[in-house]
Amino acid sequence: MANRHLSRSIVLQTLFELDFEDKLSGSDSVVEEVLVRNVKEFAPGMGDFSFMKQLLETVLKKRDELDEIIEKAAPEWPVDKISVVDRNILRLGLSELLFSDRNEVPAKVAINEAIELGKTFGGENSGRFVNGVLGAVYKEIGEPGKDEVSKKKKSDIPFEKMPIERLGGAVVYARDGEEVYLALVHDVFGHWTLSKGHVEESEELKEGIKRVVLEEIGLEVSVGDELGRNEYVATQPEKGKIRKQVVYHLCESKFVEIELADKGGLDDAKWFKLTNILDLNFYDDMLPIVTKAINILVKKDE
């Protein structure tokens, strides 16, 4: 069960890709090809493939029924007007809420997992939106498991005892004449974000950031001011839950072509003019980092 959250994330990624490319009604071979590729990219060695396959098959088989339920629970939001990420989180969450074995996936677990997917991969209001829709359906079906007392699993590791992974991230900028540009990467869930990666324990942070940026987007940088830090919990097949601590720095590069590495989770990388940055779709925890970088760069030009 330790890998179920990661499994749901991979199923969501698969649904997103199929929906985005209009392949939700594709053949079984097409669907399985996308799922297998995502497992290899995001969770090599994952042993819970049968859970992912069954969950994906249920969502696709029941899609029309699930979409009708979504429209009844949120009549002001036609399914085709809901973002690709949010509507597939709803499909996935409703599938577990309505069609899973409740001994294996209690109703509250199905709802909470969907909310977490919304917070992680959706927009600013996705978690609340998912909670509202699934909560409405939960009440309609009689609130199963409402009075059950949840028990903490013995295998759960307290936050303070989770292993920690160091990561370095960068807001990369360059100047071209009088214009200032930022280099951003785009993930498969539709967000523009910052280049980041693992820093070895023996590696000095700034050197690690230089290496990460070069490997991920092919830019040589000089590392400047620290912009901020964030921390989140992730699940890895081998280690279970780990705390990922990211330190972001402002980094300068030459204005040259970006070369995105072939790695799971990212599908594009571009330079953007500084004046256009805040119109992009960022994760909430990235906005303070990017905003601080913009303020520093604007002051430098005054």
Protein backbone atom coordinates (compact mmCIF):
# COMPACT_ATOMS: atom_id res chain seq x y z
CA MET A 1 0.00 0.00 0.00
CA ALA A 2 2.98 2.31 0.50
CA ASN A 3 3.15 3.10 -3.20
CA ARG A 4 -0.55 3.70 -3.84
CA HIS A 5 -0.27 7.50 -3.90
CA LEU A 6 2.52 7.32 -6.47
CA SER A 7 0.44 4.80 -8.44
CA ARG A 8 -2.50 7.20 -8.54
CA SER A 9 -0.21 9.99 -9.71
CA ILE A 10 0.96 7.83 -12.61
CA VAL A 11 -2.62 6.90 -13.53
CA LEU A 12 -3.48 10.61 -13.48
CA GLN A 13 -0.53 11.39 -15.75
CA THR A 14 -1.72 8.67 -18.14
CA LEU A 15 -5.30 9.97 -18.15
CA PHE A 16 -4.04 13.51 -18.70
CA GLU A 17 -1.96 12.45 -21.69
CA LEU A 18 -4.74 10.36 -23.23
CA ASP A 19 -7.29 13.14 -22.71
CA PHE A 20 -4.99 15.89 -23.97
CA GLU A 21 -4.27 13.89 -27.15
CA ASP A 22 -7.94 12.85 -27.52
CA LYS A 23 -7.11 9.16 -27.05
CA LEU A 24 -9.35 8.28 -24.10
CA SER A 25 -11.31 6.01 -26.44
CA GLY A 26 -8.16 4.51 -27.91
CA SER A 27 -7.42 0.82 -28.20
CA ASP A 28 -6.28 -1.22 -25.21
CA SER A 29 -2.79 -1.44 -26.71
CA VAL A 30 -2.52 2.35 -27.02
CA VAL A 31 -3.71 2.87 -23.43
CA GLU A 32 -1.35 0.25 -22.03
CA GLU A 33 1.57 1.64 -24.03
CA VAL A 34 1.10 5.07 -22.43
CA LEU A 35 0.73 3.59 -18.94
CA VAL A 36 3.82 1.38 -19.26
CA ARG A 37 5.89 4.29 -20.56
CA ASN A 38 4.82 6.48 -17.65
CA VAL A 39 5.63 3.76 -15.14
CA LYS A 40 9.12 3.45 -16.62
CA GLU A 41 9.62 7.23 -16.54
CA PHE A 42 8.17 8.07 -13.14
CA ALA A 43 8.51 4.86 -11.11
CA PRO A 44 11.01 2.37 -12.51
CA GLY A 45 10.82 -0.82 -10.50
CA MET A 46 7.27 -0.10 -9.32
CA GLY A 47 5.70 -3.39 -8.25
CA ASP A 48 2.06 -2.29 -8.03
CA PHE A 49 1.38 -2.27 -11.77
CA SER A 50 -1.80 -4.35 -11.44
CA PHE A 51 -3.40 -1.68 -9.19
CA MET A 52 -2.62 1.05 -11.72
CA LYS A 53 -3.90 -0.98 -14.65
CA GLN A 54 -7.14 -1.88 -12.90
CA LEU A 55 -7.76 1.70 -11.78
CA LEU A 56 -7.08 3.08 -15.27
CA GLU A 57 -9.32 0.48 -16.90
CA THR A 58 -12.17 1.29 -14.50
CA VAL A 59 -11.96 5.03 -15.17
CA LEU A 60 -11.96 4.51 -18.95
CA LYS A 61 -14.76 1.92 -18.87
CA LYS A 62 -16.97 4.08 -16.63
CA ARG A 63 -15.98 7.45 -18.12
CA ASP A 64 -19.41 8.38 -19.51
CA GLU A 65 -21.08 7.49 -16.22
CA LEU A 66 -18.44 9.37 -14.23
CA ASP A 67 -18.83 12.47 -16.42
CA GLU A 68 -22.60 12.45 -15.88
CA ILE A 69 -22.04 12.32 -12.12
CA ILE A 70 -19.58 15.24 -12.31
CA GLU A 71 -22.09 17.34 -14.24
CA LYS A 72 -24.82 16.59 -11.69
CA ALA A 73 -22.53 17.40 -8.75
CA ALA A 74 -21.17 20.57 -10.40
CA PRO A 75 -23.89 21.71 -12.84
CA GLU A 76 -22.26 25.09 -13.38
CA TRP A 77 -19.15 23.33 -14.73
CA PRO A 78 -19.67 21.29 -17.94
CA VAL A 79 -17.02 18.55 -18.05
CA ASP A 80 -15.42 19.93 -21.22
CA LYS A 81 -14.98 23.31 -19.49
CA ILE A 82 -13.12 21.83 -16.51
CA SER A 83 -9.32 21.83 -16.89
CA VAL A 84 -7.84 18.59 -18.23
CA VAL A 85 -6.06 17.93 -14.94
CA ASP A 86 -9.07 18.61 -12.71
CA ARG A 87 -11.56 16.58 -14.69
CA ASN A 88 -9.29 13.55 -14.70
CA ILE A 89 -8.64 13.88 -10.98
CA LEU A 90 -12.43 13.88 -10.52
CA ARG A 91 -12.82 10.83 -12.75
CA LEU A 92 -10.11 8.99 -10.86
CA GLY A 93 -11.43 9.97 -7.42
CA LEU A 94 -15.03 9.13 -8.28
CA SER A 95 -13.98 5.80 -9.74
CA GLU A 96 -12.39 4.82 -6.44
CA LEU A 97 -15.19 6.32 -4.37
CA LEU A 98 -17.94 4.50 -6.27
CA PHE A 99 -16.44 1.35 -7.73
CA SER A 100 -13.51 0.24 -5.55
CA ASP A 101 -13.66 -2.35 -2.78
CA ARG A 102 -14.23 -0.21 0.33
CA ASN A 103 -12.24 -2.64 2.44
CA GLU A 104 -9.27 -1.81 0.26
CA VAL A 105 -10.01 1.86 -0.50
CA PRO A 106 -12.28 3.46 2.12
CA ALA A 107 -14.40 6.36 0.88
CA LYS A 108 -12.46 8.94 2.89
CA VAL A 109 -9.18 7.64 1.45
CA ALA A 110 -10.50 7.97 -2.11
CA ILE A 111 -11.57 11.57 -1.45
CA ASN A 112 -8.41 12.60 0.39
CA GLU A 113 -6.16 11.09 -2.27
CA ALA A 114 -8.00 12.98 -5.01
CA ILE A 115 -7.74 16.24 -3.04
CA GLU A 116 -3.98 15.75 -2.65
CA LEU A 117 -3.64 15.15 -6.40
CA GLY A 118 -5.53 18.40 -6.96
CA LYS A 119 -3.24 20.33 -4.63
CA THR A 120 -0.12 18.84 -6.22
CA PHE A 121 -0.95 18.91 -9.91
CA GLY A 122 -3.87 21.30 -10.31
CA GLY A 123 -4.31 25.02 -10.03
CA GLU A 124 -4.77 27.26 -7.01
CA ASN A 125 -8.38 26.19 -6.40
CA SER A 126 -8.18 22.58 -7.58
CA GLY A 127 -8.06 21.02 -4.12
CA ARG A 128 -11.17 22.88 -2.99
CA PHE A 129 -12.98 22.16 -6.26
CA VAL A 130 -12.24 18.42 -6.08
CA ASN A 131 -13.25 18.37 -2.41
CA GLY A 132 -16.55 20.09 -3.22
CA VAL A 133 -17.52 17.72 -6.03
CA LEU A 134 -16.48 14.51 -4.30
CA GLY A 135 -17.96 15.71 -1.00
CA ALA A 136 -21.32 16.26 -2.70
CA VAL A 137 -21.26 12.74 -4.17
CA TYR A 138 -20.15 11.30 -0.82
CA LYS A 139 -23.22 12.78 0.86
CA GLU A 140 -25.49 11.48 -1.91
CA ILE A 141 -24.31 7.90 -1.38
CA GLY A 142 -24.92 8.08 2.37
CA GLU A 143 -21.45 9.02 3.68
CA PRO A 144 -20.10 5.46 3.97
CA GLY A 145 -17.46 5.06 6.69
CA LYS A 146 -18.33 8.40 8.28
CA ASP A 147 -18.22 6.99 11.81
CA GLU A 148 -15.15 4.84 11.34
CA VAL A 149 -12.13 5.83 13.41
CA SER A 150 -9.07 5.95 11.26
CA LYS A 151 -6.06 4.08 12.55
CA LYS A 152 -2.55 5.15 11.88
CA LYS A 153 -0.62 2.48 10.02
CA LYS A 154 2.31 1.03 11.88
CA SER A 155 4.38 1.51 8.74
CA ASP A 156 3.74 5.27 8.68
CA ILE A 157 6.95 7.22 9.34
CA PRO A 158 6.65 10.45 11.34
CA PHE A 159 7.53 13.53 9.29
CA GLU A 160 10.52 14.37 11.44
CA LYS A 161 12.00 10.89 10.92
CA MET A 162 11.60 10.73 7.14
CA PRO A 163 14.84 10.63 5.14
CA ILE A 164 15.78 13.95 3.54
CA GLU A 165 16.88 14.54 -0.05
CA ARG A 166 18.73 17.73 -0.99
CA LEU A 167 17.77 19.47 -4.21
CA GLY A 168 19.00 22.61 -5.88
CA GLY A 169 16.84 24.78 -8.12
CA ALA A 170 17.38 27.88 -10.21
CA VAL A 171 15.65 30.89 -11.67
CA VAL A 172 17.86 31.22 -14.74
CA TYR A 173 17.99 34.61 -16.45
CA ALA A 174 19.84 36.08 -19.42
CA ARG A 175 20.12 39.44 -21.10
CA ASP A 176 19.70 40.07 -24.81
CA GLY A 177 20.21 43.75 -25.50
CA GLU A 178 17.85 45.64 -23.19
CA GLU A 179 15.56 42.64 -22.64
CA VAL A 180 15.78 40.24 -19.72
CA TYR A 181 14.60 36.66 -20.17
CA LEU A 182 13.92 33.75 -17.81
CA ALA A 183 14.44 30.11 -18.77
CA LEU A 184 11.54 27.94 -17.61
CA VAL A 185 10.66 24.29 -17.99
CA HIS A 186 7.15 22.95 -18.67
CA ASP A 187 5.85 19.81 -16.98
CA VAL A 188 3.40 17.25 -18.32
CA PHE A 189 0.66 18.58 -16.02
CA GLY A 190 0.56 21.95 -17.78
CA HIS A 191 2.64 24.13 -15.45
CA TRP A 192 5.71 26.25 -16.12
CA THR A 193 8.25 25.74 -13.37
CA LEU A 194 11.93 25.98 -12.45
CA SER A 195 14.83 23.74 -13.27
CA LYS A 196 15.80 21.67 -10.24
CA GLY A 197 17.42 18.37 -9.34
CA HIS A 198 19.17 16.17 -6.80
CA VAL A 199 22.33 17.45 -5.13
CA GLU A 200 24.74 14.84 -3.79
CA GLU A 201 25.62 14.93 -0.10
CA SER A 202 29.30 15.40 -0.99
CA GLU A 203 28.50 18.20 -3.46
CA GLU A 204 28.57 21.88 -2.62
CA LEU A 205 25.12 23.34 -3.24
CA LYS A 206 26.10 25.97 -5.83
CA GLU A 207 28.16 23.46 -7.78
CA GLY A 208 25.22 21.08 -7.65
CA ILE A 209 22.89 23.73 -9.04
CA LYS A 210 25.30 24.45 -11.90
CA ARG A 211 25.39 20.75 -12.77
CA VAL A 212 21.61 20.31 -12.48
CA VAL A 213 20.85 23.23 -14.81
CA LEU A 214 23.44 22.13 -17.36
CA GLU A 215 22.14 18.56 -17.36
CA GLU A 216 18.47 19.52 -17.53
CA ILE A 217 18.36 22.46 -19.95
CA GLY A 218 21.90 22.65 -21.34
CA LEU A 219 22.80 26.09 -19.94
CA GLU A 220 26.01 27.04 -18.17
CA VAL A 221 25.22 29.40 -15.30
CA SER A 222 26.82 31.45 -12.59
CA VAL A 223 25.00 31.12 -9.26
CA GLY A 224 23.92 34.26 -7.42
CA ASP A 225 21.54 35.16 -4.59
CA GLU A 226 19.46 32.61 -2.73
CA LEU A 227 15.78 33.19 -3.50
CA GLY A 228 14.08 30.86 -1.06
CA ARG A 229 13.46 27.30 0.02
CA ASN A 230 10.57 24.89 0.02
CA GLU A 231 9.97 21.37 1.23
CA TYR A 232 7.51 18.65 0.24
CA VAL A 233 6.94 14.96 0.88
CA ALA A 234 7.29 12.53 -2.02
CA THR A 235 6.97 8.76 -2.29
CA GLN A 236 9.65 6.67 -3.95
CA PRO A 237 9.31 2.95 -4.74
CA GLU A 238 12.51 2.00 -2.92
CA LYS A 239 12.58 4.47 -0.03
CA GLY A 240 8.91 5.15 0.65
CA LYS A 241 8.11 8.67 1.86
CA ILE A 242 10.97 11.18 1.84
CA ARG A 243 11.27 14.90 2.55
CA LYS A 244 12.57 16.82 -0.43
CA GLN A 245 14.20 20.09 0.53
CA VAL A 246 14.84 22.49 -2.35
CA VAL A 247 17.02 25.61 -2.23
CA TYR A 248 16.54 28.03 -5.13
CA HIS A 249 19.14 30.52 -6.37
CA LEU A 250 19.14 33.24 -9.00
CA CYS A 251 21.45 32.14 -11.83
CA GLU A 252 22.76 34.04 -14.85
CA SER A 253 23.33 32.46 -18.24
CA LYS A 254 24.09 33.59 -21.77
CA PHE A 255 21.05 33.99 -24.01
CA VAL A 256 21.61 30.83 -26.03
CA GLU A 257 19.38 28.00 -27.20
CA ILE A 258 17.92 25.77 -24.49
CA GLU A 259 18.37 22.02 -24.87
CA LEU A 260 15.86 20.13 -22.73
CA ALA A 261 17.09 16.75 -21.53
CA ASP A 262 14.99 13.68 -22.31
CA LYS A 263 13.65 13.00 -18.83
CA GLY A 264 10.30 12.04 -17.35
CA GLY A 265 7.91 14.77 -16.27
CA LEU A 266 9.06 17.61 -18.56
CA ASP A 267 7.93 18.25 -22.13
CA ASP A 268 9.22 21.74 -23.01
CA ALA A 269 11.62 24.53 -22.03
CA LYS A 270 11.67 28.13 -23.29
CA TRP A 271 12.97 31.63 -22.71
CA PHE A 272 10.31 34.15 -21.67
CA LYS A 273 10.59 37.92 -21.49
CA LEU A 274 10.59 39.11 -17.91
CA THR A 275 7.50 41.24 -18.53
CA ASN A 276 5.44 38.18 -19.54
CA ILE A 277 6.40 35.82 -16.74
CA LEU A 278 3.58 36.33 -14.26
CA ASP A 279 0.94 35.58 -16.91
CA LEU A 280 2.10 31.95 -17.01
CA ASN A 281 0.61 29.01 -15.12
CA PHE A 282 2.85 28.35 -12.08
CA TYR A 283 2.46 26.13 -9.05
CA ASP A 284 1.54 28.16 -5.97
CA ASP A 285 4.82 27.45 -4.18
CA MET A 286 6.82 28.68 -7.18
CA LEU A 287 5.25 32.14 -7.35
CA PRO A 288 7.10 33.66 -4.34
CA ILE A 289 10.42 32.38 -5.71
CA VAL A 290 9.80 33.74 -9.21
CA THR A 291 8.40 37.03 -7.90
CA LYS A 292 11.46 37.61 -5.73
CA ALA A 293 13.74 36.93 -8.70
CA ILE A 294 11.80 39.41 -10.84
CA ASN A 295 12.03 42.10 -8.14
CA ILE A 296 15.80 41.62 -7.88
CA LEU A 297 16.26 41.83 -11.64
CA VAL A 298 14.05 44.92 -11.98
CA LYS A 299 16.02 46.72 -9.24
CA LYS A 300 19.27 45.88 -11.00
CA ASP A 301 18.01 47.65 -14.12
CA GLU A 302 16.83 50.80 -12.30
